[in-house]
Amino acid sequence: MKKRIITRLLSFTLLLFFLSSCTVGTSEVKTSSKDYFPKVGGLDLQGNDQTFPECLEKDQTICVVAFQRWQQEWVDEWYVEIEKVVSKNPENFAYYEIPTISKLSAPVRWWIYRGMRGGITSEKMRSQVITLHIDKKPFNKHLEISDEEIVYVYVLDKEGKILYRDQGRFSDEKWLKLANYLEQK
């Protein structure tokens, strides 16, 4: 009797685990014109579904796309300066960090999502991190991404049009170019 109760409890717990993991889904990549960010869905660290470009509300949104966990240091280097621009003019600018991961099984997606969420306690930042679980090949091809060992920086308008792009680790020279572009807008 006791063994049957434990077995049922374990089965119920596993069922709940797999059902909850299904909320961290995958998305198809829908491409259009090369000048536009592809239409793709993800999940922010608040647990909300987000779809690009529909989630873009500001005149310009700066997005940093990363592919590897170790690239977080590079993303953070860009973010330090980007956040200064966004906080000075929140009516016109927004920021998203976009970790891009291949499609994985539901339990693995859930485990990655929970780990990322646990590492970020700021509610504001949790809403700015949108994880994509996608087929990266069409995504990368559309955005002309040839190397997942570096990060990519995009400035998008409300419709997802790519207004500016850069790639690689933050540098003063790269920041000066981006800052000059943003000041002109």
C-alpha atoms as a PDB file:
ATOM      1  CA  MET A   1       0.000   0.000   0.000  1.00  0.00           C
ATOM      2  CA  LYS A   2       2.741   2.429   0.999  1.00  0.00           C
ATOM      3  CA  LYS A   3       4.739   1.551  -2.135  1.00  0.00           C
ATOM      4  CA  ARG A   4       1.707   2.235  -4.341  1.00  0.00           C
ATOM      5  CA  ILE A   5       1.180   5.668  -2.749  1.00  0.00           C
ATOM      6  CA  ILE A   6       4.836   6.573  -3.264  1.00  0.00           C
ATOM      7  CA  THR A   7       4.684   5.374  -6.883  1.00  0.00           C
ATOM      8  CA  ARG A   8       1.543   7.446  -7.558  1.00  0.00           C
ATOM      9  CA  LEU A   9       3.032  10.486  -5.860  1.00  0.00           C
ATOM     10  CA  LEU A  10       6.228  10.140  -7.914  1.00  0.00           C
ATOM     11  CA  SER A  11       4.207   9.699 -11.123  1.00  0.00           C
ATOM     12  CA  PHE A  12       2.108  12.767 -10.321  1.00  0.00           C
ATOM     13  CA  THR A  13       5.223  14.810  -9.563  1.00  0.00           C
ATOM     14  CA  LEU A  14       6.837  13.784 -12.864  1.00  0.00           C
ATOM     15  CA  LEU A  15       3.632  14.622 -14.730  1.00  0.00           C
ATOM     16  CA  LEU A  16       3.574  18.098 -13.176  1.00  0.00           C
ATOM     17  CA  PHE A  17       7.244  18.569 -14.058  1.00  0.00           C
ATOM     18  CA  PHE A  18       6.688  17.708 -17.715  1.00  0.00           C
ATOM     19  CA  LEU A  19       3.518  19.778 -17.968  1.00  0.00           C
ATOM     20  CA  SER A  20       5.216  22.823 -16.475  1.00  0.00           C
ATOM     21  CA  SER A  21       8.189  22.391 -18.790  1.00  0.00           C
ATOM     22  CA  CYS A  22       5.938  22.627 -21.816  1.00  0.00           C
ATOM     23  CA  THR A  23       5.398  26.314 -21.096  1.00  0.00           C
ATOM     24  CA  VAL A  24       8.936  27.016 -22.240  1.00  0.00           C
ATOM     25  CA  GLY A  25       8.295  26.458 -25.926  1.00  0.00           C
ATOM     26  CA  THR A  26      10.029  26.621 -29.201  1.00  0.00           C
ATOM     27  CA  SER A  27       9.269  28.886 -32.108  1.00  0.00           C
ATOM     28  CA  GLU A  28       9.441  28.774 -35.858  1.00  0.00           C
ATOM     29  CA  VAL A  29      11.540  31.420 -37.576  1.00  0.00           C
ATOM     30  CA  LYS A  30       9.533  33.406 -40.121  1.00  0.00           C
ATOM     31  CA  THR A  31      11.632  35.578 -42.352  1.00  0.00           C
ATOM     32  CA  SER A  32      10.658  38.422 -44.629  1.00  0.00           C
ATOM     33  CA  SER A  33      12.779  41.184 -46.091  1.00  0.00           C
ATOM     34  CA  LYS A  34      16.504  41.088 -45.258  1.00  0.00           C
ATOM     35  CA  ASP A  35      16.129  44.538 -43.740  1.00  0.00           C
ATOM     36  CA  TYR A  36      13.875  43.168 -40.975  1.00  0.00           C
ATOM     37  CA  PHE A  37      14.467  41.058 -37.902  1.00  0.00           C
ATOM     38  CA  PRO A  38      12.772  37.685 -38.394  1.00  0.00           C
ATOM     39  CA  LYS A  39       9.422  37.038 -36.768  1.00  0.00           C
ATOM     40  CA  VAL A  40      10.210  34.714 -33.893  1.00  0.00           C
ATOM     41  CA  GLY A  41       8.749  33.933 -30.498  1.00  0.00           C
ATOM     42  CA  GLY A  42      10.430  33.515 -27.166  1.00  0.00           C
ATOM     43  CA  LEU A  43       9.827  33.612 -23.454  1.00  0.00           C
ATOM     44  CA  ASP A  44      11.010  36.412 -21.186  1.00  0.00           C
ATOM     45  CA  LEU A  45      12.269  35.580 -17.723  1.00  0.00           C
ATOM     46  CA  GLN A  46       8.989  36.831 -16.224  1.00  0.00           C
ATOM     47  CA  GLY A  47       7.312  33.878 -17.969  1.00  0.00           C
ATOM     48  CA  ASN A  48       5.604  35.941 -20.677  1.00  0.00           C
ATOM     49  CA  ASP A  49       5.492  34.899 -24.323  1.00  0.00           C
ATOM     50  CA  GLN A  50       7.082  37.540 -26.541  1.00  0.00           C
ATOM     51  CA  THR A  51       7.100  37.727 -30.329  1.00  0.00           C
ATOM     52  CA  PHE A  52       9.456  39.835 -32.388  1.00  0.00           C
ATOM     53  CA  PRO A  53       8.742  42.313 -33.834  1.00  0.00           C
ATOM     54  CA  GLU A  54       5.263  42.625 -32.263  1.00  0.00           C
ATOM     55  CA  CYS A  55       6.745  43.164 -28.790  1.00  0.00           C
ATOM     56  CA  LEU A  56       8.670  46.247 -29.933  1.00  0.00           C
ATOM     57  CA  GLU A  57       7.002  49.370 -28.580  1.00  0.00           C
ATOM     58  CA  LYS A  58       9.683  52.073 -28.682  1.00  0.00           C
ATOM     59  CA  ASP A  59      10.985  54.063 -31.637  1.00  0.00           C
ATOM     60  CA  GLN A  60      14.248  52.159 -31.342  1.00  0.00           C
ATOM     61  CA  THR A  61      15.065  48.931 -29.556  1.00  0.00           C
ATOM     62  CA  ILE A  62      18.635  47.793 -29.060  1.00  0.00           C
ATOM     63  CA  CYS A  63      18.959  44.003 -29.080  1.00  0.00           C
ATOM     64  CA  VAL A  64      22.030  41.974 -28.210  1.00  0.00           C
ATOM     65  CA  VAL A  65      21.862  38.417 -29.575  1.00  0.00           C
ATOM     66  CA  ALA A  66      24.081  35.812 -27.915  1.00  0.00           C
ATOM     67  CA  PHE A  67      24.540  32.077 -28.436  1.00  0.00           C
ATOM     68  CA  GLN A  68      26.859  30.804 -25.693  1.00  0.00           C
ATOM     69  CA  ARG A  69      26.664  30.998 -21.903  1.00  0.00           C
ATOM     70  CA  TRP A  70      30.209  32.378 -21.696  1.00  0.00           C
ATOM     71  CA  GLN A  71      29.173  35.337 -23.903  1.00  0.00           C
ATOM     72  CA  GLN A  72      27.263  36.846 -20.970  1.00  0.00           C
ATOM     73  CA  GLU A  73      30.366  38.853 -20.078  1.00  0.00           C
ATOM     74  CA  TRP A  74      30.349  40.391 -23.567  1.00  0.00           C
ATOM     75  CA  VAL A  75      26.617  41.111 -23.378  1.00  0.00           C
ATOM     76  CA  ASP A  76      27.099  42.810 -20.020  1.00  0.00           C
ATOM     77  CA  GLU A  77      29.877  45.014 -21.446  1.00  0.00           C
ATOM     78  CA  TRP A  78      27.465  46.293 -24.129  1.00  0.00           C
ATOM     79  CA  TYR A  79      24.639  46.618 -21.599  1.00  0.00           C
ATOM     80  CA  VAL A  80      26.541  49.012 -19.322  1.00  0.00           C
ATOM     81  CA  GLU A  81      26.551  51.687 -22.020  1.00  0.00           C
ATOM     82  CA  ILE A  82      23.212  50.771 -23.612  1.00  0.00           C
ATOM     83  CA  GLU A  83      21.430  51.092 -20.261  1.00  0.00           C
ATOM     84  CA  LYS A  84      22.703  54.656 -19.892  1.00  0.00           C
ATOM     85  CA  VAL A  85      21.086  55.596 -23.216  1.00  0.00           C
ATOM     86  CA  VAL A  86      17.825  53.773 -22.442  1.00  0.00           C
ATOM     87  CA  SER A  87      17.514  55.248 -18.934  1.00  0.00           C
ATOM     88  CA  LYS A  88      18.100  58.802 -20.237  1.00  0.00           C
ATOM     89  CA  ASN A  89      15.368  58.442 -22.868  1.00  0.00           C
ATOM     90  CA  PRO A  90      12.972  55.611 -21.944  1.00  0.00           C
ATOM     91  CA  GLU A  91      10.201  57.071 -24.102  1.00  0.00           C
ATOM     92  CA  ASN A  92      12.152  56.341 -27.290  1.00  0.00           C
ATOM     93  CA  PHE A  93      14.592  53.523 -26.487  1.00  0.00           C
ATOM     94  CA  ALA A  94      14.293  49.962 -25.192  1.00  0.00           C
ATOM     95  CA  TYR A  95      16.703  47.071 -24.709  1.00  0.00           C
ATOM     96  CA  TYR A  96      16.432  43.301 -25.098  1.00  0.00           C
ATOM     97  CA  GLU A  97      18.978  40.601 -24.462  1.00  0.00           C
ATOM     98  CA  ILE A  98      18.266  37.609 -26.692  1.00  0.00           C
ATOM     99  CA  PRO A  99      19.913  34.312 -25.745  1.00  0.00           C
ATOM    100  CA  THR A 100      19.456  32.073 -28.779  1.00  0.00           C
ATOM    101  CA  ILE A 101      19.397  28.326 -28.224  1.00  0.00           C
ATOM    102  CA  SER A 102      18.649  25.368 -30.480  1.00  0.00           C
ATOM    103  CA  LYS A 103      15.363  23.528 -30.092  1.00  0.00           C
ATOM    104  CA  LEU A 104      15.704  21.120 -27.192  1.00  0.00           C
ATOM    105  CA  SER A 105      13.429  18.743 -25.311  1.00  0.00           C
ATOM    106  CA  ALA A 106      10.884  20.309 -22.979  1.00  0.00           C
ATOM    107  CA  PRO A 107      12.640  19.249 -19.737  1.00  0.00           C
ATOM    108  CA  VAL A 108      15.976  20.647 -20.930  1.00  0.00           C
ATOM    109  CA  ARG A 109      14.350  23.947 -21.989  1.00  0.00           C
ATOM    110  CA  TRP A 110      12.668  24.156 -18.596  1.00  0.00           C
ATOM    111  CA  TRP A 111      15.960  23.491 -16.784  1.00  0.00           C
ATOM    112  CA  ILE A 112      17.819  26.173 -18.816  1.00  0.00           C
ATOM    113  CA  TYR A 113      15.007  28.704 -18.347  1.00  0.00           C
ATOM    114  CA  ARG A 114      14.873  28.132 -14.578  1.00  0.00           C
ATOM    115  CA  GLY A 115      18.655  28.467 -14.329  1.00  0.00           C
ATOM    116  CA  MET A 116      18.656  31.751 -16.230  1.00  0.00           C
ATOM    117  CA  ARG A 117      15.743  33.105 -14.214  1.00  0.00           C
ATOM    118  CA  GLY A 118      17.474  32.178 -10.963  1.00  0.00           C
ATOM    119  CA  GLY A 119      20.557  34.127 -11.998  1.00  0.00           C
ATOM    120  CA  ILE A 120      18.642  37.362 -12.598  1.00  0.00           C
ATOM    121  CA  THR A 121      16.717  38.855  -9.692  1.00  0.00           C
ATOM    122  CA  SER A 122      15.838  42.246 -11.203  1.00  0.00           C
ATOM    123  CA  GLU A 123      12.236  42.234 -12.444  1.00  0.00           C
ATOM    124  CA  LYS A 124      13.152  44.862 -15.053  1.00  0.00           C
ATOM    125  CA  MET A 125      15.999  42.757 -16.410  1.00  0.00           C
ATOM    126  CA  ARG A 126      13.860  39.604 -16.375  1.00  0.00           C
ATOM    127  CA  SER A 127      11.445  41.341 -18.733  1.00  0.00           C
ATOM    128  CA  GLN A 128      14.339  42.376 -21.005  1.00  0.00           C
ATOM    129  CA  VAL A 129      15.790  38.883 -21.464  1.00  0.00           C
ATOM    130  CA  ILE A 130      13.895  36.907 -24.102  1.00  0.00           C
ATOM    131  CA  THR A 131      15.138  33.386 -24.723  1.00  0.00           C
ATOM    132  CA  LEU A 132      14.654  31.935 -28.194  1.00  0.00           C
ATOM    133  CA  HIS A 133      14.528  28.134 -28.658  1.00  0.00           C
ATOM    134  CA  ILE A 134      14.635  27.941 -32.421  1.00  0.00           C
ATOM    135  CA  ASP A 135      16.069  26.323 -35.499  1.00  0.00           C
ATOM    136  CA  LYS A 136      19.087  28.603 -35.649  1.00  0.00           C
ATOM    137  CA  LYS A 137      19.998  27.891 -39.275  1.00  0.00           C
ATOM    138  CA  PRO A 138      17.265  30.066 -40.906  1.00  0.00           C
ATOM    139  CA  PHE A 139      17.605  32.673 -38.133  1.00  0.00           C
ATOM    140  CA  ASN A 140      21.359  32.979 -38.643  1.00  0.00           C
ATOM    141  CA  LYS A 141      21.089  32.944 -42.427  1.00  0.00           C
ATOM    142  CA  HIS A 142      18.492  35.720 -42.437  1.00  0.00           C
ATOM    143  CA  LEU A 143      20.537  37.917 -40.095  1.00  0.00           C
ATOM    144  CA  GLU A 144      23.802  37.048 -41.869  1.00  0.00           C
ATOM    145  CA  ILE A 145      25.222  35.531 -38.691  1.00  0.00           C
ATOM    146  CA  SER A 146      28.220  33.427 -39.619  1.00  0.00           C
ATOM    147  CA  ASP A 147      29.851  32.915 -36.234  1.00  0.00           C
ATOM    148  CA  GLU A 148      28.051  31.931 -33.026  1.00  0.00           C
ATOM    149  CA  GLU A 149      31.227  32.595 -31.057  1.00  0.00           C
ATOM    150  CA  ILE A 150      30.502  36.336 -31.041  1.00  0.00           C
ATOM    151  CA  VAL A 151      27.502  38.493 -30.076  1.00  0.00           C
ATOM    152  CA  TYR A 152      25.451  40.623 -32.451  1.00  0.00           C
ATOM    153  CA  VAL A 153      23.975  44.052 -31.751  1.00  0.00           C
ATOM    154  CA  TYR A 154      20.924  45.348 -33.619  1.00  0.00           C
ATOM    155  CA  VAL A 155      18.900  48.541 -33.435  1.00  0.00           C
ATOM    156  CA  LEU A 156      15.314  47.909 -34.583  1.00  0.00           C
ATOM    157  CA  ASP A 157      12.367  50.190 -35.178  1.00  0.00           C
ATOM    158  CA  LYS A 158       8.808  49.331 -34.014  1.00  0.00           C
ATOM    159  CA  GLU A 159       8.198  47.190 -37.095  1.00  0.00           C
ATOM    160  CA  GLY A 160      11.441  45.251 -36.671  1.00  0.00           C
ATOM    161  CA  LYS A 161      13.370  47.010 -39.419  1.00  0.00           C
ATOM    162  CA  ILE A 162      17.094  46.716 -38.795  1.00  0.00           C
ATOM    163  CA  LEU A 163      18.396  50.273 -38.568  1.00  0.00           C
ATOM    164  CA  TYR A 164      21.901  49.498 -37.335  1.00  0.00           C
ATOM    165  CA  ARG A 165      24.039  46.424 -36.715  1.00  0.00           C
ATOM    166  CA  ASP A 166      27.378  45.527 -35.216  1.00  0.00           C
ATOM    167  CA  GLN A 167      29.025  42.414 -33.884  1.00  0.00           C
ATOM    168  CA  GLY A 168      31.645  41.184 -31.475  1.00  0.00           C
ATOM    169  CA  ARG A 169      32.929  42.259 -28.147  1.00  0.00           C
ATOM    170  CA  PHE A 170      32.293  45.793 -26.906  1.00  0.00           C
ATOM    171  CA  SER A 171      34.983  48.363 -27.656  1.00  0.00           C
ATOM    172  CA  ASP A 172      35.146  52.131 -27.262  1.00  0.00           C
ATOM    173  CA  GLU A 173      35.335  52.460 -31.048  1.00  0.00           C
ATOM    174  CA  LYS A 174      32.231  50.333 -31.601  1.00  0.00           C
ATOM    175  CA  TRP A 175      30.366  52.159 -28.867  1.00  0.00           C
ATOM    176  CA  LEU A 176      31.255  55.551 -30.337  1.00  0.00           C
ATOM    177  CA  LYS A 177      29.769  54.497 -33.700  1.00  0.00           C
ATOM    178  CA  LEU A 178      26.572  53.208 -32.059  1.00  0.00           C
ATOM    179  CA  ALA A 179      26.252  56.223 -29.732  1.00  0.00           C
ATOM    180  CA  ASN A 180      26.714  58.605 -32.665  1.00  0.00           C
ATOM    181  CA  TYR A 181      24.014  56.765 -34.581  1.00  0.00           C
ATOM    182  CA  LEU A 182      21.598  56.900 -31.620  1.00  0.00           C
ATOM    183  CA  GLU A 183      22.219  60.624 -31.063  1.00  0.00           C
ATOM    184  CA  GLN A 184      21.246  61.358 -34.669  1.00  0.00           C
ATOM    185  CA  LYS A 185      17.846  59.744 -34.197  1.00  0.00           C
END
